Amino acid sequence: MPRYFFNVHIGDDALVDPDGQDLRDPDQAWEVAKAMAQNLMDTEFEQPVNWASSHIQVRDDLDEIVLEFPFLEAIQFTPQAH
């Protein structure tokens, strides 16, 4: 199984994933990135976070960028009755 690394970019700051996760394919990496984004946006931080300028960069074990997941893509909208 390939290993994927999930590096979180919030503004000018980057949190690098040193360990990564073994996943079956890039589709599963996309799902993990989405879940990570949702969990982080549900977390309370001391300072406000600009999620619109944040993303998760997913790299493979060859250090190639597999995908970049914008945090706002993880927001789930529910239709409301009119």
N, C-alpha and C. Protein backbone atom coordinates (compact mmCIF):
# COMPACT_ATOMS: atom_id res chain seq x y z
N MET A 1 0.84 -1.19 0.00
CA MET A 1 0.00 0.00 0.00
C MET A 1 0.88 1.25 0.00
N PRO A 2 0.48 2.23 -0.78
CA PRO A 2 1.25 3.47 -0.77
C PRO A 2 1.04 4.25 0.54
N ARG A 3 2.02 5.05 0.87
CA ARG A 3 1.95 5.89 2.07
C ARG A 3 1.70 7.32 1.63
N TYR A 4 0.77 7.97 2.32
CA TYR A 4 0.41 9.35 2.02
C TYR A 4 0.67 10.23 3.24
N PHE A 5 1.16 11.44 2.99
CA PHE A 5 1.49 12.40 4.04
C PHE A 5 0.57 13.60 3.90
N PHE A 6 -0.03 14.02 5.01
CA PHE A 6 -1.04 15.08 5.02
C PHE A 6 -0.47 16.32 5.70
N ASN A 7 -0.03 17.28 4.90
CA ASN A 7 0.57 18.50 5.40
C ASN A 7 -0.49 19.60 5.42
N VAL A 8 -0.74 20.14 6.60
CA VAL A 8 -1.79 21.13 6.79
C VAL A 8 -1.19 22.52 6.63
N HIS A 9 -1.78 23.31 5.73
CA HIS A 9 -1.34 24.68 5.48
C HIS A 9 -2.45 25.63 5.91
N ILE A 10 -2.16 26.44 6.93
CA ILE A 10 -3.10 27.44 7.43
C ILE A 10 -2.40 28.79 7.33
N GLY A 11 -2.86 29.60 6.39
CA GLY A 11 -2.18 30.87 6.15
C GLY A 11 -0.74 30.60 5.72
N ASP A 12 0.20 31.24 6.41
CA ASP A 12 1.62 31.05 6.09
C ASP A 12 2.25 29.90 6.87
N ASP A 13 1.48 29.28 7.75
CA ASP A 13 2.01 28.21 8.59
C ASP A 13 1.74 26.84 7.96
N ALA A 14 2.67 25.93 8.16
CA ALA A 14 2.51 24.56 7.65
C ALA A 14 2.83 23.58 8.77
N LEU A 15 1.95 22.61 8.95
CA LEU A 15 2.18 21.52 9.89
C LEU A 15 2.46 20.27 9.06
N VAL A 16 3.70 19.81 9.12
CA VAL A 16 4.13 18.70 8.28
C VAL A 16 3.85 17.37 8.97
N ASP A 17 3.32 16.45 8.22
CA ASP A 17 3.01 15.10 8.70
C ASP A 17 4.27 14.23 8.51
N PRO A 18 4.99 13.91 9.58
CA PRO A 18 6.23 13.15 9.43
C PRO A 18 6.00 11.64 9.25
N ASP A 19 4.83 11.14 9.64
CA ASP A 19 4.59 9.70 9.64
C ASP A 19 3.78 9.20 8.45
N GLY A 20 2.77 9.92 8.07
CA GLY A 20 1.91 9.49 6.97
C GLY A 20 1.03 8.32 7.35
N GLN A 21 0.23 7.89 6.35
CA GLN A 21 -0.68 6.76 6.53
C GLN A 21 -0.64 5.88 5.30
N ASP A 22 -0.70 4.58 5.51
CA ASP A 22 -0.80 3.64 4.40
C ASP A 22 -2.26 3.56 3.96
N LEU A 23 -2.51 3.92 2.71
CA LEU A 23 -3.87 3.92 2.17
C LEU A 23 -3.87 3.24 0.82
N ARG A 24 -5.04 2.80 0.37
CA ARG A 24 -5.10 2.02 -0.86
C ARG A 24 -4.87 2.83 -2.13
N ASP A 25 -5.34 4.12 -2.14
CA ASP A 25 -5.23 4.91 -3.37
C ASP A 25 -5.49 6.39 -3.07
N PRO A 26 -5.32 7.27 -4.08
CA PRO A 26 -5.57 8.70 -3.88
C PRO A 26 -7.01 9.02 -3.49
N ASP A 27 -7.96 8.21 -3.92
CA ASP A 27 -9.35 8.44 -3.52
C ASP A 27 -9.53 8.31 -2.01
N GLN A 28 -8.89 7.32 -1.44
CA GLN A 28 -8.97 7.16 0.01
C GLN A 28 -8.22 8.30 0.70
N ALA A 29 -7.11 8.77 0.12
CA ALA A 29 -6.38 9.91 0.67
C ALA A 29 -7.27 11.16 0.66
N TRP A 30 -8.07 11.33 -0.39
CA TRP A 30 -8.99 12.46 -0.47
C TRP A 30 -10.01 12.39 0.67
N GLU A 31 -10.53 11.19 0.93
CA GLU A 31 -11.50 11.01 2.01
C GLU A 31 -10.88 11.34 3.37
N VAL A 32 -9.63 10.91 3.58
CA VAL A 32 -8.94 11.20 4.84
C VAL A 32 -8.72 12.71 4.98
N ALA A 33 -8.31 13.37 3.90
CA ALA A 33 -8.09 14.82 3.93
C ALA A 33 -9.39 15.54 4.26
N LYS A 34 -10.49 15.10 3.69
CA LYS A 34 -11.80 15.71 3.96
C LYS A 34 -12.16 15.56 5.44
N ALA A 35 -11.98 14.36 5.99
CA ALA A 35 -12.29 14.12 7.40
C ALA A 35 -11.39 14.96 8.30
N MET A 36 -10.11 15.07 7.94
CA MET A 36 -9.19 15.91 8.72
C MET A 36 -9.65 17.36 8.73
N ALA A 37 -10.03 17.87 7.55
CA ALA A 37 -10.47 19.25 7.44
C ALA A 37 -11.72 19.48 8.30
N GLN A 38 -12.67 18.56 8.22
CA GLN A 38 -13.89 18.69 9.01
C GLN A 38 -13.57 18.69 10.50
N ASN A 39 -12.70 17.80 10.94
CA ASN A 39 -12.34 17.73 12.36
C ASN A 39 -11.64 19.00 12.82
N LEU A 40 -10.72 19.52 12.00
CA LEU A 40 -10.02 20.74 12.38
C LEU A 40 -10.96 21.94 12.44
N MET A 41 -11.89 22.03 11.50
CA MET A 41 -12.83 23.16 11.51
C MET A 41 -13.81 23.07 12.68
N ASP A 42 -14.01 21.88 13.23
CA ASP A 42 -14.87 21.71 14.40
C ASP A 42 -14.13 21.97 15.71
N THR A 43 -12.81 22.15 15.63
CA THR A 43 -11.98 22.37 16.80
C THR A 43 -11.98 23.85 17.17
N GLU A 44 -12.03 24.15 18.46
CA GLU A 44 -11.94 25.54 18.90
C GLU A 44 -10.48 25.92 19.10
N PHE A 45 -10.08 27.03 18.50
CA PHE A 45 -8.72 27.54 18.61
C PHE A 45 -8.75 28.87 19.37
N GLU A 46 -7.61 29.24 19.95
CA GLU A 46 -7.53 30.50 20.70
C GLU A 46 -7.73 31.69 19.77
N GLN A 47 -7.21 31.60 18.56
CA GLN A 47 -7.32 32.68 17.58
C GLN A 47 -8.23 32.22 16.44
N PRO A 48 -8.91 33.16 15.79
CA PRO A 48 -9.72 32.78 14.63
C PRO A 48 -8.83 32.24 13.50
N VAL A 49 -9.36 31.31 12.74
CA VAL A 49 -8.62 30.70 11.63
C VAL A 49 -9.33 31.05 10.33
N ASN A 50 -8.57 31.49 9.34
CA ASN A 50 -9.12 31.78 8.03
C ASN A 50 -9.11 30.49 7.22
N TRP A 51 -10.20 29.73 7.30
CA TRP A 51 -10.26 28.44 6.61
C TRP A 51 -10.25 28.61 5.10
N ALA A 52 -10.68 29.78 4.61
CA ALA A 52 -10.71 30.01 3.16
C ALA A 52 -9.31 30.02 2.56
N SER A 53 -8.30 30.33 3.36
CA SER A 53 -6.93 30.35 2.84
C SER A 53 -6.13 29.14 3.33
N SER A 54 -6.83 28.10 3.74
CA SER A 54 -6.17 26.90 4.28
C SER A 54 -6.44 25.69 3.40
N HIS A 55 -5.46 24.78 3.37
CA HIS A 55 -5.64 23.55 2.60
C HIS A 55 -4.76 22.44 3.18
N ILE A 56 -5.05 21.23 2.77
CA ILE A 56 -4.23 20.08 3.14
C ILE A 56 -3.56 19.60 1.87
N GLN A 57 -2.23 19.57 1.90
CA GLN A 57 -1.46 19.08 0.77
C GLN A 57 -1.11 17.62 1.05
N VAL A 58 -1.50 16.76 0.14
CA VAL A 58 -1.25 15.33 0.30
C VAL A 58 -0.11 14.94 -0.64
N ARG A 59 0.92 14.33 -0.06
CA ARG A 59 2.08 13.87 -0.84
C ARG A 59 2.21 12.36 -0.69
N ASP A 60 2.79 11.74 -1.71
CA ASP A 60 3.00 10.29 -1.62
C ASP A 60 4.41 10.01 -1.10
N ASP A 61 4.76 8.73 -1.03
CA ASP A 61 6.07 8.37 -0.47
C ASP A 61 7.23 8.72 -1.39
N LEU A 62 6.95 9.20 -2.60
CA LEU A 62 8.00 9.72 -3.49
C LEU A 62 8.09 11.24 -3.40
N ASP A 63 7.36 11.83 -2.46
CA ASP A 63 7.30 13.27 -2.21
C ASP A 63 6.63 14.03 -3.36
N GLU A 64 5.80 13.35 -4.12
CA GLU A 64 5.03 13.99 -5.19
C GLU A 64 3.70 14.46 -4.61
N ILE A 65 3.24 15.64 -5.03
CA ILE A 65 1.94 16.13 -4.59
C ILE A 65 0.85 15.31 -5.29
N VAL A 66 0.01 14.68 -4.49
CA VAL A 66 -1.09 13.87 -5.01
C VAL A 66 -2.33 14.74 -5.17
N LEU A 67 -2.59 15.58 -4.17
CA LEU A 67 -3.73 16.48 -4.23
C LEU A 67 -3.58 17.58 -3.20
N GLU A 68 -4.32 18.65 -3.41
CA GLU A 68 -4.43 19.72 -2.44
C GLU A 68 -5.92 19.89 -2.14
N PHE A 69 -6.27 19.71 -0.88
CA PHE A 69 -7.67 19.73 -0.46
C PHE A 69 -7.97 21.04 0.25
N PRO A 70 -8.75 21.95 -0.37
CA PRO A 70 -9.14 23.19 0.31
C PRO A 70 -10.10 22.89 1.46
N PHE A 71 -9.88 23.52 2.59
CA PHE A 71 -10.75 23.28 3.75
C PHE A 71 -12.21 23.55 3.44
N LEU A 72 -12.49 24.59 2.65
CA LEU A 72 -13.89 24.94 2.38
C LEU A 72 -14.61 23.86 1.59
N GLU A 73 -13.87 22.99 0.94
CA GLU A 73 -14.50 21.88 0.20
C GLU A 73 -15.12 20.86 1.16
N ALA A 74 -14.73 20.90 2.41
CA ALA A 74 -15.23 19.94 3.40
C ALA A 74 -16.53 20.39 4.06
N ILE A 75 -16.95 21.63 3.78
CA ILE A 75 -18.18 22.12 4.40
C ILE A 75 -19.37 21.44 3.75
N GLN A 76 -20.24 20.91 4.60
CA GLN A 76 -21.44 20.23 4.10
C GLN A 76 -22.63 21.16 4.28
N PHE A 77 -23.25 21.45 3.17
CA PHE A 77 -24.43 22.30 3.21
C PHE A 77 -25.67 21.42 3.23
N THR A 78 -26.62 21.79 4.06
CA THR A 78 -27.88 21.05 4.10
C THR A 78 -28.97 21.95 3.52
N PRO A 79 -29.75 21.41 2.59
CA PRO A 79 -30.82 22.21 1.99
C PRO A 79 -31.85 22.59 3.03
N GLN A 80 -32.34 23.81 2.94
CA GLN A 80 -33.36 24.27 3.87
C GLN A 80 -34.65 24.50 3.11
N ALA A 81 -35.73 24.18 3.78
CA ALA A 81 -37.05 24.40 3.17
C ALA A 81 -37.33 25.89 3.06
N HIS A 82 -38.03 26.26 2.02
CA HIS A 82 -38.36 27.68 1.82
C HIS A 82 -39.71 27.99 2.36
